[in-house]
C-alpha atoms as a PDB file:
ATOM      1  CA  MET A   1      25.294  -6.375  11.530  1.00  0.00           C
ATOM      2  CA  SER A   2      22.841  -7.931   9.080  1.00  0.00           C
ATOM      3  CA  HIS A   3      21.498  -5.799   6.262  1.00  0.00           C
ATOM      4  CA  GLU A   4      18.311  -7.893   6.151  1.00  0.00           C
ATOM      5  CA  TYR A   5      14.936  -7.135   7.658  1.00  0.00           C
ATOM      6  CA  GLU A   6      13.635 -10.555   8.731  1.00  0.00           C
ATOM      7  CA  PRO A   7       9.937 -11.189   9.475  1.00  0.00           C
ATOM      8  CA  ILE A   8       9.092 -13.255  12.531  1.00  0.00           C
ATOM      9  CA  VAL A   9       6.570 -15.199  10.402  1.00  0.00           C
ATOM     10  CA  ASP A  10       6.365 -15.629   6.619  1.00  0.00           C
ATOM     11  CA  ALA A  11       3.406 -17.816   5.682  1.00  0.00           C
ATOM     12  CA  LYS A  12       0.264 -18.348   3.600  1.00  0.00           C
ATOM     13  CA  ILE A  13      -3.360 -19.128   4.299  1.00  0.00           C
ATOM     14  CA  GLN A  14      -5.830 -20.719   1.916  1.00  0.00           C
ATOM     15  CA  LEU A  15      -8.932 -18.622   1.319  1.00  0.00           C
ATOM     16  CA  ILE A  16     -12.413 -20.097   0.995  1.00  0.00           C
ATOM     17  CA  ASP A  17     -12.240 -19.850  -2.811  1.00  0.00           C
ATOM     18  CA  GLY A  18      -9.020 -21.899  -2.835  1.00  0.00           C
ATOM     19  CA  ARG A  19      -6.568 -19.060  -3.459  1.00  0.00           C
ATOM     20  CA  ASN A  20      -3.437 -18.705  -1.348  1.00  0.00           C
ATOM     21  CA  LEU A  21      -2.842 -15.408   0.455  1.00  0.00           C
ATOM     22  CA  ALA A  22       0.723 -14.676   1.582  1.00  0.00           C
ATOM     23  CA  TYR A  23       1.507 -12.588   4.650  1.00  0.00           C
ATOM     24  CA  ALA A  24       4.357 -11.775   7.027  1.00  0.00           C
ATOM     25  CA  LEU A  25       4.534 -10.672  10.655  1.00  0.00           C
ATOM     26  CA  TRP A  26       7.072  -8.181  12.010  1.00  0.00           C
ATOM     27  CA  GLY A  27       7.865  -6.511  15.331  1.00  0.00           C
ATOM     28  CA  ASP A  28       6.380  -7.587  18.667  1.00  0.00           C
ATOM     29  CA  PRO A  29       4.644 -10.995  18.316  1.00  0.00           C
ATOM     30  CA  ASP A  30       2.437 -10.124  21.307  1.00  0.00           C
ATOM     31  CA  GLY A  31       1.794  -6.515  20.317  1.00  0.00           C
ATOM     32  CA  GLU A  32      -1.244  -4.700  18.979  1.00  0.00           C
ATOM     33  CA  SER A  33      -1.956  -5.737  15.382  1.00  0.00           C
ATOM     34  CA  LEU A  34      -1.540  -3.265  12.553  1.00  0.00           C
ATOM     35  CA  PHE A  35      -2.011  -4.235   8.905  1.00  0.00           C
ATOM     36  CA  LEU A  36       0.201  -2.616   6.251  1.00  0.00           C
ATOM     37  CA  PHE A  37      -0.943  -2.524   2.606  1.00  0.00           C
ATOM     38  CA  HIS A  38       1.972  -2.133   0.191  1.00  0.00           C
ATOM     39  CA  GLY A  39       2.281   0.139  -2.825  1.00  0.00           C
ATOM     40  CA  ALA A  40       2.708  -0.873  -6.464  1.00  0.00           C
ATOM     41  CA  PRO A  41       4.912  -2.636  -7.279  1.00  0.00           C
ATOM     42  CA  GLY A  42       5.418  -4.051  -3.816  1.00  0.00           C
ATOM     43  CA  SER A  43       4.860  -7.035  -1.575  1.00  0.00           C
ATOM     44  CA  ARG A  44       4.657  -8.246   2.006  1.00  0.00           C
ATOM     45  CA  MET A  45       8.443  -7.777   2.161  1.00  0.00           C
ATOM     46  CA  PHE A  46       7.940  -3.993   2.284  1.00  0.00           C
ATOM     47  CA  ALA A  47       8.258  -3.234   5.993  1.00  0.00           C
ATOM     48  CA  PRO A  48       9.587  -0.188   7.829  1.00  0.00           C
ATOM     49  CA  ASP A  49      12.185  -0.788  10.541  1.00  0.00           C
ATOM     50  CA  PRO A  50      10.946  -3.851  12.511  1.00  0.00           C
ATOM     51  CA  GLU A  51      13.048  -2.873  15.530  1.00  0.00           C
ATOM     52  CA  ILE A  52      11.023   0.333  15.873  1.00  0.00           C
ATOM     53  CA  THR A  53       7.830  -1.671  15.344  1.00  0.00           C
ATOM     54  CA  ALA A  54       8.782  -3.999  18.203  1.00  0.00           C
ATOM     55  CA  ARG A  55       9.785  -1.169  20.564  1.00  0.00           C
ATOM     56  CA  VAL A  56       6.413   0.530  20.100  1.00  0.00           C
ATOM     57  CA  GLY A  57       4.651  -2.744  20.892  1.00  0.00           C
ATOM     58  CA  VAL A  58       3.119  -3.414  17.475  1.00  0.00           C
ATOM     59  CA  ARG A  59       2.734  -6.657  15.561  1.00  0.00           C
ATOM     60  CA  LEU A  60       2.842  -5.547  11.928  1.00  0.00           C
ATOM     61  CA  VAL A  61       0.957  -7.693   9.413  1.00  0.00           C
ATOM     62  CA  THR A  62       2.035  -7.228   5.799  1.00  0.00           C
ATOM     63  CA  VAL A  63       0.123  -9.016   3.056  1.00  0.00           C
ATOM     64  CA  ASP A  64       0.493  -9.555  -0.693  1.00  0.00           C
ATOM     65  CA  ARG A  65      -2.458  -8.464  -2.789  1.00  0.00           C
ATOM     66  CA  PRO A  66      -3.575 -11.041  -5.395  1.00  0.00           C
ATOM     67  CA  GLY A  67      -0.920 -11.662  -8.040  1.00  0.00           C
ATOM     68  CA  TYR A  68       1.897 -10.113  -5.993  1.00  0.00           C
ATOM     69  CA  GLY A  69       4.570 -12.182  -4.278  1.00  0.00           C
ATOM     70  CA  GLY A  70       3.113 -15.363  -2.838  1.00  0.00           C
ATOM     71  CA  SER A  71      -0.586 -14.536  -3.262  1.00  0.00           C
ATOM     72  CA  ASP A  72      -2.439 -16.256  -6.086  1.00  0.00           C
ATOM     73  CA  PRO A  73      -3.909 -14.046  -8.823  1.00  0.00           C
ATOM     74  CA  ASP A  74      -7.599 -13.158  -8.740  1.00  0.00           C
ATOM     75  CA  PRO A  75      -8.374 -12.195 -12.362  1.00  0.00           C
ATOM     76  CA  GLY A  76     -10.770  -9.290 -12.736  1.00  0.00           C
ATOM     77  CA  ARG A  77     -10.639  -8.463  -9.020  1.00  0.00           C
ATOM     78  CA  SER A  78     -12.048  -5.163  -7.766  1.00  0.00           C
ATOM     79  CA  ILE A  79     -10.907  -2.960  -4.894  1.00  0.00           C
ATOM     80  CA  LEU A  80     -14.005  -4.013  -2.967  1.00  0.00           C
ATOM     81  CA  ASP A  81     -12.953  -7.681  -3.185  1.00  0.00           C
ATOM     82  CA  TRP A  82     -10.002  -6.988  -0.884  1.00  0.00           C
ATOM     83  CA  PRO A  83     -11.804  -6.635   2.486  1.00  0.00           C
ATOM     84  CA  ALA A  84     -13.036 -10.246   2.289  1.00  0.00           C
ATOM     85  CA  ASP A  85      -9.430 -11.473   1.899  1.00  0.00           C
ATOM     86  CA  VAL A  86      -8.265  -9.313   4.798  1.00  0.00           C
ATOM     87  CA  LEU A  87     -11.123 -10.499   7.006  1.00  0.00           C
ATOM     88  CA  GLN A  88     -10.185 -14.140   6.417  1.00  0.00           C
ATOM     89  CA  LEU A  89      -6.561 -13.403   7.258  1.00  0.00           C
ATOM     90  CA  ALA A  90      -7.512 -11.490  10.414  1.00  0.00           C
ATOM     91  CA  ASP A  91      -9.656 -14.411  11.543  1.00  0.00           C
ATOM     92  CA  ALA A  92      -6.908 -16.922  10.727  1.00  0.00           C
ATOM     93  CA  ILE A  93      -4.324 -15.097  12.865  1.00  0.00           C
ATOM     94  CA  GLN A  94      -6.912 -14.283  15.560  1.00  0.00           C
ATOM     95  CA  VAL A  95      -7.073 -10.505  15.261  1.00  0.00           C
ATOM     96  CA  PRO A  96     -10.536  -9.269  16.298  1.00  0.00           C
ATOM     97  CA  ARG A  97      -9.810  -5.559  15.778  1.00  0.00           C
ATOM     98  CA  PHE A  98      -6.960  -3.808  14.023  1.00  0.00           C
ATOM     99  CA  ALA A  99      -5.750  -0.583  12.459  1.00  0.00           C
ATOM    100  CA  VAL A 100      -4.537  -0.278   8.862  1.00  0.00           C
ATOM    101  CA  VAL A 101      -1.690   1.757   7.391  1.00  0.00           C
ATOM    102  CA  ALA A 102      -1.412   2.056   3.616  1.00  0.00           C
ATOM    103  CA  HIS A 103       1.415   3.262   1.443  1.00  0.00           C
ATOM    104  CA  SER A 104       0.903   4.819  -1.992  1.00  0.00           C
ATOM    105  CA  SER A 105      -1.285   2.523  -4.123  1.00  0.00           C
ATOM    106  CA  GLY A 106      -2.364   0.647  -1.006  1.00  0.00           C
ATOM    107  CA  GLY A 107      -4.638   3.544  -0.085  1.00  0.00           C
ATOM    108  CA  PRO A 108      -7.792   2.504  -1.980  1.00  0.00           C
ATOM    109  CA  TYR A 109      -7.615  -0.949  -0.374  1.00  0.00           C
ATOM    110  CA  ALA A 110      -7.285   0.502   3.132  1.00  0.00           C
ATOM    111  CA  LEU A 111     -10.297   2.735   2.570  1.00  0.00           C
ATOM    112  CA  ALA A 112     -12.281  -0.204   1.189  1.00  0.00           C
ATOM    113  CA  CYS A 113     -11.584  -2.074   4.444  1.00  0.00           C
ATOM    114  CA  ALA A 114     -12.547   0.958   6.534  1.00  0.00           C
ATOM    115  CA  GLY A 115     -15.881   1.117   4.733  1.00  0.00           C
ATOM    116  CA  ALA A 116     -16.639  -2.611   4.635  1.00  0.00           C
ATOM    117  CA  LEU A 117     -15.194  -3.804   7.972  1.00  0.00           C
ATOM    118  CA  THR A 118     -16.499  -1.085  10.273  1.00  0.00           C
ATOM    119  CA  ASP A 119     -16.606  -3.395  13.306  1.00  0.00           C
ATOM    120  CA  ARG A 120     -13.031  -4.604  12.795  1.00  0.00           C
ATOM    121  CA  VAL A 121     -10.989  -1.594  11.544  1.00  0.00           C
ATOM    122  CA  SER A 122     -10.275   0.932  14.312  1.00  0.00           C
ATOM    123  CA  ALA A 123      -8.322   3.542  12.333  1.00  0.00           C
ATOM    124  CA  VAL A 124      -6.504   4.077   9.045  1.00  0.00           C
ATOM    125  CA  ALA A 125      -3.304   5.926   8.136  1.00  0.00           C
ATOM    126  CA  LEU A 126      -2.921   6.897   4.493  1.00  0.00           C
ATOM    127  CA  VAL A 127       0.762   7.575   3.864  1.00  0.00           C
ATOM    128  CA  SER A 128       1.665   9.142   0.508  1.00  0.00           C
ATOM    129  CA  CYS A 129      -1.534   7.654  -0.920  1.00  0.00           C
ATOM    130  CA  VAL A 130      -3.389   8.187  -4.166  1.00  0.00           C
ATOM    131  CA  ALA A 131      -6.819   9.841  -4.311  1.00  0.00           C
ATOM    132  CA  PRO A 132      -9.694   8.820  -6.594  1.00  0.00           C
ATOM    133  CA  TYR A 133      -9.319   9.961 -10.190  1.00  0.00           C
ATOM    134  CA  GLU A 134     -11.844  12.424 -11.510  1.00  0.00           C
ATOM    135  CA  GLU A 135     -13.770  11.648 -14.689  1.00  0.00           C
ATOM    136  CA  PRO A 136     -11.105  11.844 -17.433  1.00  0.00           C
ATOM    137  CA  THR A 137     -11.363  14.607 -19.993  1.00  0.00           C
ATOM    138  CA  ARG A 138     -10.819  14.313 -23.752  1.00  0.00           C
ATOM    139  CA  GLU A 139      -7.654  16.401 -23.502  1.00  0.00           C
ATOM    140  CA  ASP A 140      -4.618  15.315 -25.504  1.00  0.00           C
ATOM    141  CA  ASP A 141      -2.663  14.507 -22.356  1.00  0.00           C
ATOM    142  CA  GLU A 142      -0.897  11.225 -21.542  1.00  0.00           C
ATOM    143  CA  ASP A 143      -2.340  10.917 -18.031  1.00  0.00           C
ATOM    144  CA  GLN A 144      -5.859  11.677 -19.253  1.00  0.00           C
ATOM    145  CA  ALA A 145      -5.456   9.205 -22.126  1.00  0.00           C
ATOM    146  CA  LEU A 146      -4.396   6.440 -19.726  1.00  0.00           C
ATOM    147  CA  ALA A 147      -7.301   7.206 -17.400  1.00  0.00           C
ATOM    148  CA  ARG A 148      -9.723   7.007 -20.319  1.00  0.00           C
ATOM    149  CA  LEU A 149      -8.183   3.733 -21.489  1.00  0.00           C
ATOM    150  CA  ALA A 150      -8.443   2.266 -17.969  1.00  0.00           C
ATOM    151  CA  ARG A 151     -12.193   2.920 -18.019  1.00  0.00           C
ATOM    152  CA  GLU A 152     -12.941   2.079 -21.622  1.00  0.00           C
ATOM    153  CA  GLU A 153     -10.519  -0.794 -22.309  1.00  0.00           C
ATOM    154  CA  PRO A 154      -9.252  -1.935 -18.889  1.00  0.00           C
ATOM    155  CA  TYR A 155      -7.467  -5.101 -20.023  1.00  0.00           C
ATOM    156  CA  ARG A 156      -5.585  -3.243 -22.742  1.00  0.00           C
ATOM    157  CA  ALA A 157      -4.641  -0.541 -20.228  1.00  0.00           C
ATOM    158  CA  ALA A 158      -3.502  -3.148 -17.700  1.00  0.00           C
ATOM    159  CA  ALA A 159      -1.234  -4.723 -20.305  1.00  0.00           C
ATOM    160  CA  GLN A 160       0.347  -1.338 -21.052  1.00  0.00           C
ATOM    161  CA  PHE A 161       0.970  -0.587 -17.387  1.00  0.00           C
ATOM    162  CA  ALA A 162       2.372  -4.075 -16.811  1.00  0.00           C
ATOM    163  CA  GLU A 163       4.719  -3.786 -19.801  1.00  0.00           C
ATOM    164  CA  SER A 164       6.100  -0.490 -18.493  1.00  0.00           C
ATOM    165  CA  ILE A 165       7.887  -2.149 -15.549  1.00  0.00           C
ATOM    166  CA  THR A 166       8.899  -5.540 -16.962  1.00  0.00           C
ATOM    167  CA  PHE A 167      12.557  -4.486 -16.632  1.00  0.00           C
ATOM    168  CA  LEU A 168      12.187  -5.004 -12.874  1.00  0.00           C
ATOM    169  CA  ILE A 169      11.687  -8.745 -13.322  1.00  0.00           C
ATOM    170  CA  ASP A 170      15.256  -9.243 -14.513  1.00  0.00           C
ATOM    171  CA  ASP A 171      16.857  -6.528 -12.397  1.00  0.00           C
ATOM    172  CA  PRO A 172      14.794  -5.216  -9.457  1.00  0.00           C
ATOM    173  CA  GLU A 173      17.765  -3.127  -8.312  1.00  0.00           C
ATOM    174  CA  ILE A 174      16.990  -0.706 -11.151  1.00  0.00           C
ATOM    175  CA  PHE A 175      14.157   0.473  -8.892  1.00  0.00           C
ATOM    176  CA  LEU A 176      16.794   2.110  -6.691  1.00  0.00           C
ATOM    177  CA  THR A 177      18.120   4.206  -9.582  1.00  0.00           C
ATOM    178  CA  LEU A 178      14.819   5.863 -10.537  1.00  0.00           C
ATOM    179  CA  PRO A 179      14.696   9.677 -10.100  1.00  0.00           C
ATOM    180  CA  ARG A 180      13.824  10.742  -6.547  1.00  0.00           C
ATOM    181  CA  PRO A 181      13.824  13.905  -4.433  1.00  0.00           C
ATOM    182  CA  GLU A 182      16.676  14.438  -2.001  1.00  0.00           C
ATOM    183  CA  PRO A 183      14.885  13.110   1.130  1.00  0.00           C
ATOM    184  CA  ASP A 184      14.272   9.769  -0.591  1.00  0.00           C
ATOM    185  CA  ILE A 185      17.849   9.616  -1.865  1.00  0.00           C
ATOM    186  CA  GLN A 186      19.030  10.082   1.713  1.00  0.00           C
ATOM    187  CA  LEU A 187      16.778   7.255   2.938  1.00  0.00           C
ATOM    188  CA  LEU A 188      18.205   4.919   0.316  1.00  0.00           C
ATOM    189  CA  SER A 189      21.726   5.611   1.552  1.00  0.00           C
ATOM    190  CA  ASP A 190      20.830   3.259   4.425  1.00  0.00           C
ATOM    191  CA  GLU A 191      21.879  -0.214   3.287  1.00  0.00           C
ATOM    192  CA  ARG A 192      19.116  -1.940   5.246  1.00  0.00           C
ATOM    193  CA  ILE A 193      16.454   0.186   3.558  1.00  0.00           C
ATOM    194  CA  ARG A 194      18.011  -0.426   0.134  1.00  0.00           C
ATOM    195  CA  THR A 195      18.044  -4.174   0.744  1.00  0.00           C
ATOM    196  CA  MET A 196      14.446  -4.126   1.971  1.00  0.00           C
ATOM    197  CA  PHE A 197      13.266  -2.211  -1.105  1.00  0.00           C
ATOM    198  CA  VAL A 198      14.968  -4.589  -3.519  1.00  0.00           C
ATOM    199  CA  SER A 199      13.559  -7.600  -1.662  1.00  0.00           C
ATOM    200  CA  ALA A 200      10.045  -6.109  -1.724  1.00  0.00           C
ATOM    201  CA  VAL A 201      10.176  -5.337  -5.430  1.00  0.00           C
ATOM    202  CA  ARG A 202      11.786  -8.677  -6.381  1.00  0.00           C
ATOM    203  CA  GLU A 203       9.070 -10.543  -4.501  1.00  0.00           C
ATOM    204  CA  GLY A 204       6.363  -8.237  -5.845  1.00  0.00           C
ATOM    205  CA  VAL A 205       7.131  -9.028  -9.490  1.00  0.00           C
ATOM    206  CA  SER A 206       8.006 -12.696  -8.940  1.00  0.00           C
ATOM    207  CA  GLN A 207       4.815 -13.753 -10.752  1.00  0.00           C
ATOM    208  CA  GLY A 208       5.211 -11.057 -13.409  1.00  0.00           C
ATOM    209  CA  THR A 209       3.880  -7.528 -13.541  1.00  0.00           C
ATOM    210  CA  GLN A 210       0.200  -8.221 -14.257  1.00  0.00           C
ATOM    211  CA  ALA A 211      -0.894  -7.435 -10.679  1.00  0.00           C
ATOM    212  CA  TYR A 212       0.808  -4.040 -10.924  1.00  0.00           C
ATOM    213  CA  GLY A 213      -0.931  -3.364 -14.231  1.00  0.00           C
ATOM    214  CA  TRP A 214      -4.334  -4.206 -12.778  1.00  0.00           C
ATOM    215  CA  ASP A 215      -3.724  -2.035  -9.695  1.00  0.00           C
ATOM    216  CA  CYS A 216      -2.989   0.899 -12.008  1.00  0.00           C
ATOM    217  CA  VAL A 217      -6.268   0.301 -13.836  1.00  0.00           C
ATOM    218  CA  LEU A 218      -8.322   0.021 -10.647  1.00  0.00           C
ATOM    219  CA  GLU A 219      -6.897   3.301  -9.324  1.00  0.00           C
ATOM    220  CA  ARG A 220      -8.147   5.098 -12.431  1.00  0.00           C
ATOM    221  CA  GLN A 221     -11.613   3.571 -12.418  1.00  0.00           C
ATOM    222  CA  PRO A 222     -14.372   4.435  -9.919  1.00  0.00           C
ATOM    223  CA  TRP A 223     -13.402   2.687  -6.696  1.00  0.00           C
ATOM    224  CA  GLY A 224     -16.877   1.336  -5.971  1.00  0.00           C
ATOM    225  CA  PHE A 225     -17.553   3.296  -2.774  1.00  0.00           C
ATOM    226  CA  VAL A 226     -18.003   6.912  -1.670  1.00  0.00           C
ATOM    227  CA  LEU A 227     -15.286   8.354   0.547  1.00  0.00           C
ATOM    228  CA  ALA A 228     -17.795  10.612   2.292  1.00  0.00           C
ATOM    229  CA  ASP A 229     -19.526   7.505   3.679  1.00  0.00           C
ATOM    230  CA  ILE A 230     -16.415   6.366   5.602  1.00  0.00           C
ATOM    231  CA  ASN A 231     -16.649   7.358   9.275  1.00  0.00           C
ATOM    232  CA  THR A 232     -13.465   5.657  10.488  1.00  0.00           C
ATOM    233  CA  ARG A 233     -10.746   7.896  11.922  1.00  0.00           C
ATOM    234  CA  ILE A 234      -8.283   8.623   9.106  1.00  0.00           C
ATOM    235  CA  SER A 235      -4.848  10.228   9.343  1.00  0.00           C
ATOM    236  CA  ILE A 236      -3.295  11.411   6.089  1.00  0.00           C
ATOM    237  CA  TRP A 237       0.498  11.736   5.993  1.00  0.00           C
ATOM    238  CA  GLN A 238       2.115  13.467   3.032  1.00  0.00           C
ATOM    239  CA  GLY A 239       5.611  14.587   2.130  1.00  0.00           C
ATOM    240  CA  GLU A 240       5.736  17.993   0.505  1.00  0.00           C
ATOM    241  CA  GLN A 241       8.624  16.849  -1.712  1.00  0.00           C
ATOM    242  CA  ASP A 242       6.852  13.696  -2.940  1.00  0.00           C
ATOM    243  CA  ARG A 243       7.127  13.385  -6.738  1.00  0.00           C
ATOM    244  CA  ALA A 244       5.394  10.003  -7.050  1.00  0.00           C
ATOM    245  CA  VAL A 245       2.146  11.110  -5.365  1.00  0.00           C
ATOM    246  CA  PRO A 246       1.885  14.920  -5.208  1.00  0.00           C
ATOM    247  CA  PRO A 247       0.510  16.721  -2.127  1.00  0.00           C
ATOM    248  CA  SER A 248      -2.609  17.676  -4.083  1.00  0.00           C
ATOM    249  CA  GLN A 249      -3.680  14.014  -3.743  1.00  0.00           C
ATOM    250  CA  ALA A 250      -3.551  14.275   0.051  1.00  0.00           C
ATOM    251  CA  VAL A 251      -5.623  17.450  -0.029  1.00  0.00           C
ATOM    252  CA  ALA A 252      -8.203  15.734  -2.258  1.00  0.00           C
ATOM    253  CA  LEU A 253      -8.442  12.855   0.233  1.00  0.00           C
ATOM    254  CA  LYS A 254      -8.814  15.262   3.166  1.00  0.00           C
ATOM    255  CA  ASN A 255     -11.629  17.107   1.392  1.00  0.00           C
ATOM    256  CA  GLN A 256     -13.596  13.897   0.775  1.00  0.00           C
ATOM    257  CA  LEU A 257     -13.150  12.038   4.083  1.00  0.00           C
ATOM    258  CA  PRO A 258     -15.314  13.307   6.967  1.00  0.00           C
ATOM    259  CA  ARG A 259     -12.988  12.234   9.844  1.00  0.00           C
ATOM    260  CA  ALA A 260      -9.575  12.896   8.319  1.00  0.00           C
ATOM    261  CA  ASP A 261      -6.595  14.812   9.666  1.00  0.00           C
ATOM    262  CA  LEU A 262      -3.899  15.945   7.243  1.00  0.00           C
ATOM    263  CA  ARG A 263      -0.235  16.078   8.250  1.00  0.00           C
ATOM    264  CA  ILE A 264       2.062  17.662   5.647  1.00  0.00           C
ATOM    265  CA  SER A 265       5.782  17.182   6.203  1.00  0.00           C
ATOM    266  CA  PRO A 266       7.905  19.733   4.317  1.00  0.00           C
ATOM    267  CA  ASP A 267      11.111  17.699   4.652  1.00  0.00           C
ATOM    268  CA  ASP A 268       9.866  14.341   3.324  1.00  0.00           C
ATOM    269  CA  GLY A 269       9.226  12.688  -0.031  1.00  0.00           C
ATOM    270  CA  HIS A 270       7.515   9.436  -0.985  1.00  0.00           C
ATOM    271  CA  GLY A 271       9.506   7.585   1.674  1.00  0.00           C
ATOM    272  CA  LEU A 272       7.775   9.393   4.524  1.00  0.00           C
ATOM    273  CA  ILE A 273       6.461   6.065   5.850  1.00  0.00           C
ATOM    274  CA  LEU A 274      10.071   5.021   6.545  1.00  0.00           C
ATOM    275  CA  ALA A 275      11.261   8.395   7.848  1.00  0.00           C
ATOM    276  CA  ARG A 276       8.283   8.942  10.191  1.00  0.00           C
ATOM    277  CA  TRP A 277       7.482   5.338  11.081  1.00  0.00           C
ATOM    278  CA  LYS A 278       7.650   5.758  14.858  1.00  0.00           C
ATOM    279  CA  GLU A 279       5.352   8.799  14.734  1.00  0.00           C
ATOM    280  CA  ILE A 280       2.859   6.915  12.580  1.00  0.00           C
ATOM    281  CA  LEU A 281       2.902   3.884  14.901  1.00  0.00           C
ATOM    282  CA  VAL A 282       2.396   5.953  18.042  1.00  0.00           C
ATOM    283  CA  ASP A 283      -0.505   7.757  16.403  1.00  0.00           C
ATOM    284  CA  MET A 284      -2.129   4.487  15.284  1.00  0.00           C
ATOM    285  CA  LYS A 285      -1.985   3.063  18.821  1.00  0.00           C
ATOM    286  CA  VAL A 286      -4.310   5.827  20.088  1.00  0.00           C
ATOM    287  CA  ASP A 287      -7.692   4.141  19.777  1.00  0.00           C
ATOM    288  CA  PRO A 288     -10.518   6.623  19.052  1.00  0.00           C
END
């Protein structure tokens, strides 16, 4: 049995500004379309079990943000620039209406689409996703210092974040050895999941780590929109054992989004999207 997850399509489109946008399709080619926005670092090669996706009747669309994988960089991009890219892709692959699921750092981009593409986005699932940062304090704390730097000197902050993961360029398998809670360790004992993760990270840093650095900056700056203004149905999925994005982030999202449901799973970590993929898919197929 192959240890590879293989997309049914792996392609690019050219956007109106001339940039290339890379995407992949997984699951049922005739199914309902669901867009997945990857974390950081990540790429379109991050995809939960495509056999489950196909059985549920979903065509999963994964897409590289600018500077990741096969998508051209877009220097100085904002979170609110992303919906225009997604809209062009949706039109190119003939998807009039779709749901969005986001993992980790993909959350701000999913919410931007929910706010900007109200006639196209039916629902959003935020899985282990980050919440907006509060105004940083002047405390002598590393996280607060990085948040201040991201707002005051964003390009310097981006360079620091990018430098912190350059080791993945030469050896993306190191990603598998990073400290994790027990549920995530158990997930990575599956060879297919391990192979998928390495492929996603290798592709994600294939142009370098600058896109990751800029994502980290954008997360810590104001996102450019108010969560309370988003009226799309939102489901928030969070593992109680998540060390990468703590449950407090999910609670903060729930408190700011008017149509959000929060599902806390005590037995999951940051890999909840892989462990609960069928549940997430079934939930997303229920159109409000």
